[in-house]
C-alpha atoms as a PDB file:
ATOM      1  CA  UNK A   1       0.331   7.389  19.487  1.00  0.00           C
ATOM      2  CA  UNK A   2      -2.502   5.710  21.332  1.00  0.00           C
ATOM      3  CA  UNK A   3      -2.494   5.077  25.059  1.00  0.00           C
ATOM      4  CA  UNK A   4      -1.380   1.653  26.189  1.00  0.00           C
ATOM      5  CA  UNK A   5      -4.048  -0.560  27.706  1.00  0.00           C
ATOM      6  CA  UNK A   6      -4.429  -4.262  28.446  1.00  0.00           C
ATOM      7  CA  UNK A   7      -5.048  -4.833  24.717  1.00  0.00           C
ATOM      8  CA  UNK A   8      -2.940  -2.156  23.050  1.00  0.00           C
ATOM      9  CA  UNK A   9      -4.076  -0.788  19.707  1.00  0.00           C
ATOM     10  CA  UNK A  10      -2.116   1.528  17.499  1.00  0.00           C
ATOM     11  CA  UNK A  11      -2.966   3.141  14.206  1.00  0.00           C
ATOM     12  CA  UNK A  12      -0.565   2.399  11.381  1.00  0.00           C
ATOM     13  CA  UNK A  13       0.579   5.886  10.278  1.00  0.00           C
ATOM     14  CA  UNK A  14       0.986   4.765   6.652  1.00  0.00           C
ATOM     15  CA  UNK A  15      -2.279   2.965   5.840  1.00  0.00           C
ATOM     16  CA  UNK A  16      -4.392   3.947   8.858  1.00  0.00           C
ATOM     17  CA  UNK A  17      -5.270   0.389   9.920  1.00  0.00           C
ATOM     18  CA  UNK A  18      -5.616  -0.432  13.610  1.00  0.00           C
ATOM     19  CA  UNK A  19      -2.760  -2.648  14.738  1.00  0.00           C
ATOM     20  CA  UNK A  20      -2.922  -4.855  17.812  1.00  0.00           C
ATOM     21  CA  UNK A  21       0.449  -6.569  17.467  1.00  0.00           C
ATOM     22  CA  UNK A  22       3.941  -5.158  17.706  1.00  0.00           C
ATOM     23  CA  UNK A  23       5.258  -7.499  15.011  1.00  0.00           C
ATOM     24  CA  UNK A  24       6.117  -4.632  12.661  1.00  0.00           C
ATOM     25  CA  UNK A  25       7.431  -1.651  14.534  1.00  0.00           C
ATOM     26  CA  UNK A  26      10.121   0.999  14.642  1.00  0.00           C
ATOM     27  CA  UNK A  27      11.040   3.928  16.797  1.00  0.00           C
ATOM     28  CA  UNK A  28      11.284   7.433  15.425  1.00  0.00           C
ATOM     29  CA  UNK A  29      12.316  10.399  17.583  1.00  0.00           C
ATOM     30  CA  UNK A  30      12.003   8.146  20.658  1.00  0.00           C
ATOM     31  CA  UNK A  31       8.371   7.356  19.804  1.00  0.00           C
ATOM     32  CA  UNK A  32       7.346   3.786  18.965  1.00  0.00           C
ATOM     33  CA  UNK A  33       5.291   3.296  15.807  1.00  0.00           C
ATOM     34  CA  UNK A  34       3.459   0.099  14.883  1.00  0.00           C
ATOM     35  CA  UNK A  35       2.532  -1.149  11.423  1.00  0.00           C
ATOM     36  CA  UNK A  36       0.242  -3.716   9.863  1.00  0.00           C
ATOM     37  CA  UNK A  37       2.953  -5.050   7.547  1.00  0.00           C
ATOM     38  CA  UNK A  38       6.612  -4.881   6.607  1.00  0.00           C
ATOM     39  CA  UNK A  39       5.555  -2.847   3.562  1.00  0.00           C
ATOM     40  CA  UNK A  40       4.064  -0.078   5.740  1.00  0.00           C
ATOM     41  CA  UNK A  41       6.998  -0.186   8.176  1.00  0.00           C
ATOM     42  CA  UNK A  42       9.426   0.198   5.282  1.00  0.00           C
ATOM     43  CA  UNK A  43       7.470   3.118   3.752  1.00  0.00           C
ATOM     44  CA  UNK A  44       7.499   4.918   7.106  1.00  0.00           C
ATOM     45  CA  UNK A  45      11.195   4.302   7.815  1.00  0.00           C
ATOM     46  CA  UNK A  46      12.156   5.548   4.344  1.00  0.00           C
ATOM     47  CA  UNK A  47      10.274   8.880   4.712  1.00  0.00           C
ATOM     48  CA  UNK A  48       8.919   9.434   8.247  1.00  0.00           C
ATOM     49  CA  UNK A  49       8.084  13.100   7.679  1.00  0.00           C
ATOM     50  CA  UNK A  50       5.450  12.110   5.134  1.00  0.00           C
ATOM     51  CA  UNK A  51       3.501  10.537   8.014  1.00  0.00           C
ATOM     52  CA  UNK A  52       4.564  12.483  11.120  1.00  0.00           C
ATOM     53  CA  UNK A  53       4.309  16.235  11.042  1.00  0.00           C
ATOM     54  CA  UNK A  54       5.807  18.904  13.215  1.00  0.00           C
ATOM     55  CA  UNK A  55       3.965  21.056  15.756  1.00  0.00           C
ATOM     56  CA  UNK A  56       1.529  23.188  13.781  1.00  0.00           C
ATOM     57  CA  UNK A  57       2.442  21.485  10.503  1.00  0.00           C
ATOM     58  CA  UNK A  58       0.678  18.212   9.753  1.00  0.00           C
ATOM     59  CA  UNK A  59       2.338  15.709   7.456  1.00  0.00           C
ATOM     60  CA  UNK A  60       0.845  15.074   3.998  1.00  0.00           C
ATOM     61  CA  UNK A  61      -0.649  11.740   5.120  1.00  0.00           C
ATOM     62  CA  UNK A  62      -2.236  13.442   8.145  1.00  0.00           C
ATOM     63  CA  UNK A  63      -3.856  15.902   5.725  1.00  0.00           C
ATOM     64  CA  UNK A  64      -5.282  13.041   3.635  1.00  0.00           C
ATOM     65  CA  UNK A  65      -2.929  13.558   0.693  1.00  0.00           C
ATOM     66  CA  UNK A  66      -2.702  10.769  -1.873  1.00  0.00           C
ATOM     67  CA  UNK A  67      -0.144  10.737  -4.676  1.00  0.00           C
ATOM     68  CA  UNK A  68      -1.666   8.520  -7.341  1.00  0.00           C
ATOM     69  CA  UNK A  69       0.739   7.134  -9.909  1.00  0.00           C
ATOM     70  CA  UNK A  70       0.084   4.939 -12.919  1.00  0.00           C
ATOM     71  CA  UNK A  71       2.947   2.891 -14.256  1.00  0.00           C
ATOM     72  CA  UNK A  72       3.394   0.437 -17.087  1.00  0.00           C
ATOM     73  CA  UNK A  73       5.931  -2.228 -16.214  1.00  0.00           C
ATOM     74  CA  UNK A  74       7.251  -4.327 -19.091  1.00  0.00           C
ATOM     75  CA  UNK A  75       7.937  -7.996 -18.515  1.00  0.00           C
ATOM     76  CA  UNK A  76      10.637  -9.895 -20.408  1.00  0.00           C
ATOM     77  CA  UNK A  77       7.902 -12.100 -21.888  1.00  0.00           C
ATOM     78  CA  UNK A  78       4.106 -12.378 -21.706  1.00  0.00           C
ATOM     79  CA  UNK A  79       2.682 -14.266 -18.744  1.00  0.00           C
ATOM     80  CA  UNK A  80       0.867 -17.528 -19.382  1.00  0.00           C
ATOM     81  CA  UNK A  81      -2.905 -16.970 -19.222  1.00  0.00           C
ATOM     82  CA  UNK A  82      -3.086 -19.107 -16.067  1.00  0.00           C
ATOM     83  CA  UNK A  83      -0.751 -16.688 -14.231  1.00  0.00           C
ATOM     84  CA  UNK A  84      -2.394 -13.372 -15.165  1.00  0.00           C
ATOM     85  CA  UNK A  85      -5.204 -13.463 -12.571  1.00  0.00           C
ATOM     86  CA  UNK A  86      -2.824 -14.822  -9.926  1.00  0.00           C
ATOM     87  CA  UNK A  87      -0.399 -11.917 -10.481  1.00  0.00           C
ATOM     88  CA  UNK A  88      -3.233  -9.381 -10.363  1.00  0.00           C
ATOM     89  CA  UNK A  89      -4.451 -10.837  -7.046  1.00  0.00           C
ATOM     90  CA  UNK A  90      -0.886 -10.993  -5.682  1.00  0.00           C
ATOM     91  CA  UNK A  91      -0.240  -7.322  -6.450  1.00  0.00           C
ATOM     92  CA  UNK A  92      -3.637  -6.212  -5.129  1.00  0.00           C
ATOM     93  CA  UNK A  93      -2.678  -7.638  -1.725  1.00  0.00           C
ATOM     94  CA  UNK A  94      -0.246  -4.743  -1.362  1.00  0.00           C
ATOM     95  CA  UNK A  95      -1.287  -1.615   0.529  1.00  0.00           C
ATOM     96  CA  UNK A  96      -1.896   1.359  -1.741  1.00  0.00           C
ATOM     97  CA  UNK A  97      -2.595  -0.593  -4.934  1.00  0.00           C
ATOM     98  CA  UNK A  98      -5.645   0.917  -6.621  1.00  0.00           C
ATOM     99  CA  UNK A  99      -5.812  -1.045  -9.883  1.00  0.00           C
ATOM    100  CA  UNK A 100      -3.841  -3.720 -11.728  1.00  0.00           C
ATOM    101  CA  UNK A 101      -4.227  -4.766 -15.334  1.00  0.00           C
ATOM    102  CA  UNK A 102      -2.045  -7.250 -17.194  1.00  0.00           C
ATOM    103  CA  UNK A 103      -2.043  -7.433 -20.971  1.00  0.00           C
ATOM    104  CA  UNK A 104       0.525  -9.624 -22.680  1.00  0.00           C
ATOM    105  CA  UNK A 105       3.915  -8.424 -21.370  1.00  0.00           C
ATOM    106  CA  UNK A 106       2.678  -5.182 -19.775  1.00  0.00           C
ATOM    107  CA  UNK A 107       1.605  -4.825 -16.137  1.00  0.00           C
ATOM    108  CA  UNK A 108      -0.256  -1.547 -15.617  1.00  0.00           C
ATOM    109  CA  UNK A 109      -0.562  -0.504 -11.989  1.00  0.00           C
ATOM    110  CA  UNK A 110      -2.233   2.486 -10.328  1.00  0.00           C
ATOM    111  CA  UNK A 111      -1.100   3.110  -6.763  1.00  0.00           C
ATOM    112  CA  UNK A 112      -0.707   5.645  -3.965  1.00  0.00           C
ATOM    113  CA  UNK A 113       2.962   6.587  -3.740  1.00  0.00           C
ATOM    114  CA  UNK A 114       2.571   7.361  -0.027  1.00  0.00           C
ATOM    115  CA  UNK A 115       1.886   3.660   0.544  1.00  0.00           C
ATOM    116  CA  UNK A 116       3.911   1.811  -2.095  1.00  0.00           C
ATOM    117  CA  UNK A 117       6.609   2.560  -4.668  1.00  0.00           C
ATOM    118  CA  UNK A 118       7.235   1.265  -8.173  1.00  0.00           C
ATOM    119  CA  UNK A 119      10.371  -0.417  -6.831  1.00  0.00           C
ATOM    120  CA  UNK A 120       8.334  -2.357  -4.240  1.00  0.00           C
ATOM    121  CA  UNK A 121       5.840  -3.367  -6.938  1.00  0.00           C
ATOM    122  CA  UNK A 122       8.689  -4.552  -9.172  1.00  0.00           C
ATOM    123  CA  UNK A 123      10.141  -6.570  -6.269  1.00  0.00           C
ATOM    124  CA  UNK A 124       6.745  -8.195  -5.741  1.00  0.00           C
ATOM    125  CA  UNK A 125       6.466  -9.070  -9.454  1.00  0.00           C
ATOM    126  CA  UNK A 126       9.909 -10.694  -9.246  1.00  0.00           C
ATOM    127  CA  UNK A 127       8.889 -12.689  -6.125  1.00  0.00           C
ATOM    128  CA  UNK A 128       5.890 -13.910  -8.113  1.00  0.00           C
ATOM    129  CA  UNK A 129       8.354 -15.353 -10.610  1.00  0.00           C
ATOM    130  CA  UNK A 130       7.823 -12.992 -13.527  1.00  0.00           C
ATOM    131  CA  UNK A 131      10.892 -11.340 -15.023  1.00  0.00           C
ATOM    132  CA  UNK A 132      11.095  -7.630 -15.750  1.00  0.00           C
ATOM    133  CA  UNK A 133      12.237  -6.406 -19.136  1.00  0.00           C
ATOM    134  CA  UNK A 134      16.021  -6.394 -19.090  1.00  0.00           C
ATOM    135  CA  UNK A 135      16.996  -4.226 -22.040  1.00  0.00           C
ATOM    136  CA  UNK A 136      19.056  -1.136 -21.252  1.00  0.00           C
ATOM    137  CA  UNK A 137      16.157   1.171 -22.148  1.00  0.00           C
ATOM    138  CA  UNK A 138      13.811  -0.651 -19.717  1.00  0.00           C
ATOM    139  CA  UNK A 139      16.389  -0.570 -16.910  1.00  0.00           C
ATOM    140  CA  UNK A 140      17.012   3.123 -17.563  1.00  0.00           C
ATOM    141  CA  UNK A 141      13.264   3.849 -17.589  1.00  0.00           C
ATOM    142  CA  UNK A 142      12.804   2.036 -14.252  1.00  0.00           C
ATOM    143  CA  UNK A 143      15.759   3.899 -12.715  1.00  0.00           C
ATOM    144  CA  UNK A 144      14.252   7.199 -13.884  1.00  0.00           C
ATOM    145  CA  UNK A 145      10.881   6.304 -12.343  1.00  0.00           C
ATOM    146  CA  UNK A 146      12.552   5.433  -9.013  1.00  0.00           C
ATOM    147  CA  UNK A 147      14.451   8.742  -9.092  1.00  0.00           C
ATOM    148  CA  UNK A 148      11.283  10.682  -9.944  1.00  0.00           C
ATOM    149  CA  UNK A 149       9.351   9.024  -7.103  1.00  0.00           C
ATOM    150  CA  UNK A 150      12.124   9.809  -4.597  1.00  0.00           C
ATOM    151  CA  UNK A 151      11.963  13.459  -5.675  1.00  0.00           C
ATOM    152  CA  UNK A 152       8.147  13.501  -5.471  1.00  0.00           C
ATOM    153  CA  UNK A 153       8.327  12.189  -1.916  1.00  0.00           C
ATOM    154  CA  UNK A 154      11.142  14.524  -0.874  1.00  0.00           C
ATOM    155  CA  UNK A 155       9.119  17.519  -2.068  1.00  0.00           C
ATOM    156  CA  UNK A 156       6.217  16.504   0.193  1.00  0.00           C
ATOM    157  CA  UNK A 157       8.158  15.904   3.412  1.00  0.00           C
ATOM    158  CA  UNK A 158       7.576  18.170   6.372  1.00  0.00           C
ATOM    159  CA  UNK A 159      10.962  19.494   7.428  1.00  0.00           C
ATOM    160  CA  UNK A 160      12.490  22.283   9.437  1.00  0.00           C
ATOM    161  CA  UNK A 161      15.343  22.596   6.939  1.00  0.00           C
ATOM    162  CA  UNK A 162      13.154  24.535   4.459  1.00  0.00           C
ATOM    163  CA  UNK A 163      11.835  27.086   6.858  1.00  0.00           C
ATOM    164  CA  UNK A 164       9.782  26.621   9.949  1.00  0.00           C
ATOM    165  CA  UNK A 165       8.304  23.153   9.555  1.00  0.00           C
ATOM    166  CA  UNK A 166       6.665  23.791   6.216  1.00  0.00           C
ATOM    167  CA  UNK A 167       6.164  21.470   3.297  1.00  0.00           C
ATOM    168  CA  UNK A 168       8.999  21.742   0.825  1.00  0.00           C
ATOM    169  CA  UNK A 169       7.344  23.103  -2.355  1.00  0.00           C
END
């Protein structure tokens, strides 16, 4: 946490950006945290110990850890050519997105799991107006990916419940 001055500045613990506004904030263990976006605030609130360590045990983000994932998300139908570049740009506005490629009905995304999840990416695709594949196998595959990501994140958290403030490995 930075000291408060006439023009307060905080560092977003998720993406590292300097933040001058308290538009996106939350309190954790009686400490206020400020974020550049709702996306970063949500990531922090979901798993604070990925970003805030314990005395003598820095969090994965504080150690510079990135968890790069590459996912292929199937759409219910191919996007019109006019929408492909717009969707790529729209997804690349998200924190943690490394690369986006759209080919026919497949959106391939590389991203840092400490900044964004597949579920958030899927929500963004839906807000764009594209529809995700709706077959039972696609829904099951997405549910499995969400479960896998939750487990990946849980294994990285700094916690006292697995010893003395060590990473759970």
